[in-house]
Amino acid sequence: MPRDKHYKVWLDGKIVPPEEATLSVFTLTVLRGANVYEGLRAYWNPARQNLYVWKLDEHLSRLGHSMKVMRMQLPYSPDELRAAVVEWLRANDFHDDVHFRLVAYFGDGGAGGVKAYRPDEIDTGAFILGGPRPHDDKLERGLRMGVATWRRIADDVVPARVKAGANYQNNRLAAVEARENGFDDAILLTQAGKVAEATGAALMMVREGRLVVPPVTDGVLESITRRSVLELYAREYGCAAIERSIDRTELYVCDEILICGSAEEVTPVVAVDRLPVGDGKPGPITKRLQRLFFAAVRGDDPAFARSLTPIYTPEP
């Protein structure tokens, strides 16, 4: 049984047991994958005996942007959703690192399964689910990745900056192909052949000692973790990362590669298309950014105190 099925769910304003967290098969989120969502993390600090949600307000803001593009109007305000996240975490009494989702969904569109519904013609709702997600050894050993034959969705097709559930069929095709070919994950290219991102995380490389990232206009989800890592890099190294398009072959000759996101956190990449990245081991800049990131999300870096929402004990 998937581990998340053991924990309570917040569904449309109520905390319910997992077996009661149900949606009708007639909803558009079931029939057409019509939803947008945020993947979030909460980190346990054993010394402080407190749980911290990382960048909650930024996630709620991005959810609002996704809903705007998709012309979705929820019956909940950002403040109500913020309170729902706190309520859900407390209801499950988590004392571990938690990975969870806040999903805004389209409900019943009426008879005939209308595709072109206006916001006032369809019900909407939201739910929160998830559970503890311990780290595995990929943070230490790194990932072996392959460049996918599938290309990244484009802004004039299905916009990648919208974190929509349906968008992840693009990622799934690439990820399954990668697994079938013996890789851990895939790297997607844009229609123009430039590096976009991994199947669920932003990609960065180190070349000639500088961090280089694709621009958000190259088929990239506007990642909150990406933004955080760029901030950490600028503070630690005294210069901003270079934001420009990246060619596929640069991945073969660069010094380091890392991917980052709410699910992947900060994970090194040690090979691409069976070619070693650098010396084939996690690089020094990646490992340093990884340490800085985990200090920030657990509340051990005072510079990021405003990025944390404490769950059990209010803090100044």
Protein backbone atom coordinates (compact mmCIF):
# COMPACT_ATOMS: atom_id res chain seq x y z
CA MET A 1 0.00 0.00 0.00
CA PRO A 2 1.39 3.47 -0.88
CA ARG A 3 2.59 5.15 2.30
CA ASP A 4 0.39 8.26 1.84
CA LYS A 5 -2.75 6.13 2.21
CA HIS A 6 -2.03 5.79 5.91
CA TYR A 7 -2.52 9.50 6.66
CA LYS A 8 -5.48 11.83 6.98
CA VAL A 9 -6.45 14.08 4.08
CA TRP A 10 -7.73 17.64 3.98
CA LEU A 11 -10.56 17.61 1.44
CA ASP A 12 -12.67 20.66 0.68
CA GLY A 13 -12.47 22.13 4.15
CA LYS A 14 -12.50 18.97 6.26
CA ILE A 15 -9.95 16.56 7.69
CA VAL A 16 -11.07 13.07 6.67
CA PRO A 17 -9.69 9.53 6.99
CA PRO A 18 -7.90 8.36 3.84
CA GLU A 19 -10.64 5.90 2.94
CA GLU A 20 -13.16 8.78 2.86
CA ALA A 21 -11.01 11.02 0.67
CA THR A 22 -12.90 10.32 -2.55
CA LEU A 23 -13.85 12.24 -5.69
CA SER A 24 -16.49 11.34 -8.24
CA VAL A 25 -15.43 9.68 -11.50
CA PHE A 26 -17.49 12.43 -13.21
CA THR A 27 -15.10 15.21 -12.15
CA LEU A 28 -12.96 16.81 -14.84
CA THR A 29 -9.88 16.16 -12.71
CA VAL A 30 -10.54 12.43 -13.16
CA LEU A 31 -11.75 12.50 -16.76
CA ARG A 32 -9.22 14.97 -18.18
CA GLY A 33 -6.52 15.47 -15.55
CA ALA A 34 -7.85 19.00 -15.02
CA ASN A 35 -6.03 20.21 -11.91
CA VAL A 36 -3.10 22.30 -10.77
CA TYR A 37 -1.04 21.62 -7.70
CA GLU A 38 1.95 22.39 -5.53
CA GLY A 39 4.44 19.87 -4.21
CA LEU A 40 5.67 21.08 -0.81
CA ARG A 41 8.07 19.98 1.90
CA ALA A 42 7.99 20.31 5.66
CA TYR A 43 11.18 19.58 7.60
CA TRP A 44 11.53 18.32 11.14
CA ASN A 45 14.14 19.98 13.37
CA PRO A 46 14.78 17.58 16.29
CA ALA A 47 16.76 20.14 18.29
CA ARG A 48 13.83 22.57 18.25
CA GLN A 49 11.13 19.90 18.26
CA ASN A 50 9.35 21.77 15.51
CA LEU A 51 8.21 21.17 11.95
CA TYR A 52 8.78 23.85 9.30
CA VAL A 53 7.02 24.24 5.95
CA TRP A 54 9.50 25.51 3.40
CA LYS A 55 8.44 28.56 1.32
CA LEU A 56 4.71 28.10 1.89
CA ASP A 57 3.73 31.60 0.75
CA GLU A 58 5.75 31.25 -2.47
CA HIS A 59 4.02 27.95 -3.21
CA LEU A 60 0.61 29.51 -2.64
CA SER A 61 1.55 32.37 -4.97
CA ARG A 62 2.63 29.96 -7.71
CA LEU A 63 -0.57 27.97 -7.25
CA GLY A 64 -2.46 31.23 -7.83
CA HIS A 65 -0.52 31.84 -11.03
CA SER A 66 -1.31 28.34 -12.29
CA MET A 67 -5.00 28.81 -11.50
CA LYS A 68 -5.04 32.16 -13.31
CA VAL A 69 -3.62 30.68 -16.51
CA MET A 70 -6.06 27.76 -16.29
CA ARG A 71 -8.97 30.15 -15.53
CA MET A 72 -9.75 28.42 -12.25
CA GLN A 73 -11.50 30.12 -9.35
CA LEU A 74 -11.26 28.36 -6.00
CA PRO A 75 -13.71 28.99 -3.15
CA TYR A 76 -10.69 29.36 -0.80
CA SER A 77 -8.43 32.35 -0.28
CA PRO A 78 -4.63 32.03 0.09
CA ASP A 79 -5.04 32.62 3.84
CA GLU A 80 -7.58 29.79 4.05
CA LEU A 81 -5.27 27.46 2.14
CA ARG A 82 -2.36 28.43 4.39
CA ALA A 83 -4.46 27.59 7.44
CA ALA A 84 -5.51 24.31 5.81
CA VAL A 85 -1.87 23.25 5.37
CA VAL A 86 -1.14 23.92 9.06
CA GLU A 87 -4.33 22.13 10.10
CA TRP A 88 -3.51 19.07 7.99
CA LEU A 89 0.05 18.76 9.29
CA ARG A 90 -1.10 19.08 12.89
CA ALA A 91 -3.91 16.57 12.37
CA ASN A 92 -1.37 13.97 11.27
CA ASP A 93 1.07 14.88 14.06
CA PHE A 94 4.10 14.51 11.80
CA HIS A 95 7.53 14.43 13.47
CA ASP A 96 9.45 13.56 10.30
CA ASP A 97 10.35 15.21 7.04
CA VAL A 98 7.14 15.37 5.00
CA HIS A 99 6.46 15.66 1.28
CA PHE A 100 2.91 16.67 0.41
CA ARG A 101 0.67 18.08 -2.29
CA LEU A 102 -1.89 20.84 -2.33
CA VAL A 103 -4.15 20.19 -5.32
CA ALA A 104 -6.78 22.50 -6.79
CA TYR A 105 -9.13 20.52 -9.00
CA PHE A 106 -11.95 21.01 -11.48
CA GLY A 107 -15.04 19.10 -10.42
CA ASP A 108 -18.23 18.22 -12.26
CA GLY A 109 -18.59 20.10 -15.55
CA GLY A 110 -22.18 19.07 -16.11
CA ALA A 111 -23.78 16.75 -18.63
CA GLY A 112 -21.72 15.76 -21.65
CA GLY A 113 -18.28 16.36 -20.12
CA VAL A 114 -17.95 19.86 -21.58
CA LYS A 115 -14.35 20.76 -22.44
CA ALA A 116 -14.62 24.53 -22.92
CA TYR A 117 -16.17 25.47 -19.59
CA ARG A 118 -15.98 28.98 -18.13
CA PRO A 119 -15.02 29.41 -14.44
CA ASP A 120 -18.65 29.96 -13.44
CA GLU A 121 -19.76 26.76 -15.19
CA ILE A 122 -17.82 24.21 -13.17
CA ASP A 123 -17.32 23.26 -9.55
CA THR A 124 -13.85 23.49 -8.06
CA GLY A 125 -12.24 22.17 -4.91
CA ALA A 126 -8.97 21.40 -3.20
CA PHE A 127 -7.27 18.69 -1.21
CA ILE A 128 -4.01 18.11 0.68
CA LEU A 129 -2.34 14.73 1.03
CA GLY A 130 1.09 13.26 1.63
CA GLY A 131 3.29 11.77 4.29
CA PRO A 132 6.84 11.24 5.54
CA ARG A 133 9.46 10.87 2.81
CA PRO A 134 12.87 9.76 4.07
CA HIS A 135 15.97 10.48 2.03
CA ASP A 136 17.56 7.71 -0.01
CA ASP A 137 21.16 7.28 -1.10
CA LYS A 138 20.75 9.22 -4.37
CA LEU A 139 21.63 12.40 -2.47
CA GLU A 140 25.07 10.90 -1.85
CA ARG A 141 25.68 8.69 -4.89
CA GLY A 142 24.04 10.89 -7.53
CA LEU A 143 21.89 10.03 -10.53
CA ARG A 144 22.71 8.55 -13.93
CA MET A 145 20.50 10.26 -16.49
CA GLY A 146 19.74 10.06 -20.18
CA VAL A 147 18.51 12.66 -22.64
CA ALA A 148 14.96 11.79 -23.66
CA THR A 149 13.72 11.38 -27.21
CA TRP A 150 10.52 13.07 -25.99
CA ARG A 151 10.66 16.87 -26.18
CA ARG A 152 9.48 19.28 -23.50
CA ILE A 153 6.02 20.80 -23.88
CA ALA A 154 6.04 24.38 -25.17
CA ASP A 155 4.40 27.53 -23.80
CA ASP A 156 2.10 27.77 -26.83
CA VAL A 157 1.05 24.12 -26.50
CA VAL A 158 0.68 23.28 -22.81
CA PRO A 159 2.61 25.86 -20.75
CA ALA A 160 5.33 24.31 -18.61
CA ARG A 161 5.20 27.16 -16.07
CA VAL A 162 1.74 25.95 -15.07
CA LYS A 163 2.10 23.11 -12.55
CA ALA A 164 -0.79 21.09 -13.93
CA GLY A 165 -1.30 17.41 -13.28
CA ALA A 166 -1.87 16.74 -16.99
CA ASN A 167 1.52 18.26 -17.86
CA TYR A 168 3.25 15.41 -16.07
CA GLN A 169 2.26 12.93 -18.78
CA ASN A 170 5.06 14.60 -20.77
CA ASN A 171 7.44 13.93 -17.87
CA ARG A 172 6.16 10.38 -17.41
CA LEU A 173 6.83 9.41 -21.02
CA ALA A 174 10.42 10.61 -20.68
CA ALA A 175 10.93 9.05 -17.24
CA VAL A 176 9.61 5.62 -18.27
CA GLU A 177 11.80 5.68 -21.38
CA ALA A 178 14.81 6.50 -19.20
CA ARG A 179 14.07 3.66 -16.78
CA GLU A 180 13.59 1.21 -19.65
CA ASN A 181 16.99 2.28 -21.00
CA GLY A 182 18.74 1.73 -17.67
CA PHE A 183 18.89 5.33 -16.42
CA ASP A 184 17.60 6.78 -13.15
CA ASP A 185 15.79 9.67 -14.84
CA ALA A 186 15.59 11.72 -18.02
CA ILE A 187 16.60 15.17 -19.20
CA LEU A 188 14.15 16.84 -21.59
CA LEU A 189 15.10 19.19 -24.39
CA THR A 190 12.98 21.98 -25.85
CA GLN A 191 11.63 21.84 -29.38
CA ALA A 192 14.72 23.90 -30.34
CA GLY A 193 17.03 21.28 -28.85
CA LYS A 194 18.08 23.24 -25.75
CA VAL A 195 18.17 21.75 -22.26
CA ALA A 196 14.90 22.31 -20.36
CA GLU A 197 14.82 20.27 -17.14
CA ALA A 198 14.58 16.81 -15.63
CA THR A 199 11.23 15.03 -15.41
CA GLY A 200 10.34 16.62 -12.07
CA ALA A 201 13.13 19.03 -11.22
CA ALA A 202 15.12 21.99 -12.48
CA LEU A 203 18.58 21.32 -13.91
CA MET A 204 21.79 23.28 -13.32
CA MET A 205 25.35 22.71 -14.46
CA VAL A 206 28.77 23.98 -13.37
CA ARG A 207 31.06 24.94 -16.23
CA GLU A 208 34.47 26.53 -15.77
CA GLY A 209 33.66 27.14 -12.11
CA ARG A 210 30.35 28.98 -12.65
CA LEU A 211 26.82 27.79 -12.09
CA VAL A 212 24.78 27.91 -15.33
CA VAL A 213 21.00 27.48 -15.54
CA PRO A 214 18.51 27.44 -18.43
CA PRO A 215 16.20 30.47 -18.50
CA VAL A 216 12.58 29.98 -17.45
CA THR A 217 11.60 30.59 -21.07
CA ASP A 218 13.25 27.30 -22.10
CA GLY A 219 10.37 25.05 -21.08
CA VAL A 220 11.12 25.33 -17.37
CA LEU A 221 8.70 25.25 -14.46
CA GLU A 222 9.40 28.38 -12.42
CA SER A 223 10.80 26.31 -9.59
CA ILE A 224 10.83 27.64 -6.04
CA THR A 225 13.73 25.35 -5.12
CA ARG A 226 15.63 26.57 -8.20
CA ARG A 227 15.19 30.15 -7.02
CA SER A 228 16.37 29.21 -3.52
CA VAL A 229 19.49 27.44 -4.79
CA LEU A 230 20.35 30.43 -6.99
CA GLU A 231 20.03 32.68 -3.94
CA LEU A 232 22.27 30.40 -1.90
CA TYR A 233 24.84 30.26 -4.69
CA ALA A 234 24.98 34.06 -5.10
CA ARG A 235 25.42 34.54 -1.35
CA GLU A 236 28.07 31.84 -0.98
CA TYR A 237 30.16 32.57 -4.08
CA GLY A 238 29.68 36.33 -4.40
CA CYS A 239 28.31 36.23 -7.95
CA ALA A 240 25.06 35.39 -9.67
CA ALA A 241 24.62 32.21 -11.68
CA ILE A 242 24.68 32.56 -15.46
CA GLU A 243 21.20 32.20 -16.94
CA ARG A 244 21.33 31.16 -20.60
CA SER A 245 20.32 28.38 -22.94
CA ILE A 246 22.32 25.17 -22.59
CA ASP A 247 23.24 22.80 -25.42
CA ARG A 248 22.95 19.05 -24.98
CA THR A 249 26.67 18.51 -25.58
CA GLU A 250 27.55 20.94 -22.79
CA LEU A 251 26.18 18.34 -20.41
CA TYR A 252 28.93 15.99 -21.62
CA VAL A 253 31.80 18.42 -21.01
CA CYS A 254 30.73 20.37 -17.92
CA ASP A 255 32.23 19.95 -14.45
CA GLU A 256 29.06 19.22 -12.43
CA ILE A 257 25.31 18.81 -12.85
CA LEU A 258 22.61 18.93 -10.21
CA ILE A 259 18.83 18.80 -10.25
CA CYS A 260 16.62 20.50 -7.69
CA GLY A 261 12.96 20.64 -6.75
CA SER A 262 10.58 20.01 -3.87
CA ALA A 263 10.70 16.27 -4.49
CA GLU A 264 14.35 15.94 -5.53
CA GLU A 265 15.67 18.67 -3.18
CA VAL A 266 19.32 19.13 -4.30
CA THR A 267 20.56 15.94 -6.01
CA PRO A 268 23.81 15.46 -7.93
CA VAL A 269 23.96 13.99 -11.43
CA VAL A 270 27.07 11.88 -12.07
CA ALA A 271 26.49 10.67 -15.64
CA VAL A 272 24.54 11.70 -18.75
CA ASP A 273 24.02 9.30 -21.65
CA ARG A 274 26.55 6.96 -20.01
CA LEU A 275 29.24 9.64 -20.05
CA PRO A 276 30.64 10.67 -16.63
CA VAL A 277 29.95 14.20 -15.47
CA GLY A 278 33.34 15.56 -14.39
CA ASP A 279 35.08 12.73 -12.55
CA GLY A 280 31.83 10.78 -12.21
CA LYS A 281 31.28 11.79 -8.58
CA PRO A 282 29.16 14.50 -6.93
CA GLY A 283 31.08 17.75 -7.34
CA PRO A 284 32.20 20.21 -4.65
CA ILE A 285 29.83 23.03 -5.60
CA THR A 286 26.87 20.64 -5.69
CA LYS A 287 27.75 19.21 -2.26
CA ARG A 288 28.21 22.68 -0.82
CA LEU A 289 24.86 23.89 -2.15
CA GLN A 290 23.27 20.73 -0.81
CA ARG A 291 24.59 21.43 2.71
CA LEU A 292 23.47 25.05 2.56
CA PHE A 293 20.01 24.06 1.34
CA PHE A 294 19.37 21.59 4.14
CA ALA A 295 20.56 24.08 6.74
CA ALA A 296 18.08 26.63 5.36
CA VAL A 297 15.05 24.33 5.19
CA ARG A 298 15.54 22.99 8.73
CA GLY A 299 15.72 26.43 10.29
CA ASP A 300 19.47 26.40 10.94
CA ASP A 301 20.20 29.41 8.70
CA PRO A 302 18.82 32.65 10.21
CA ALA A 303 18.84 34.31 6.78
CA PHE A 304 15.92 32.09 5.74
CA ALA A 305 13.82 32.41 8.90
CA ARG A 306 11.06 34.20 6.97
CA SER A 307 10.90 31.31 4.50
CA LEU A 308 9.71 28.90 7.19
CA THR A 309 6.23 28.36 8.60
CA PRO A 310 6.49 26.70 12.04
CA ILE A 311 3.75 24.16 12.74
CA TYR A 312 3.83 23.22 16.41
CA THR A 313 5.51 26.08 18.24
CA PRO A 314 5.26 29.73 17.17
CA GLU A 315 8.67 31.36 16.75
CA PRO A 316 9.68 35.03 16.52
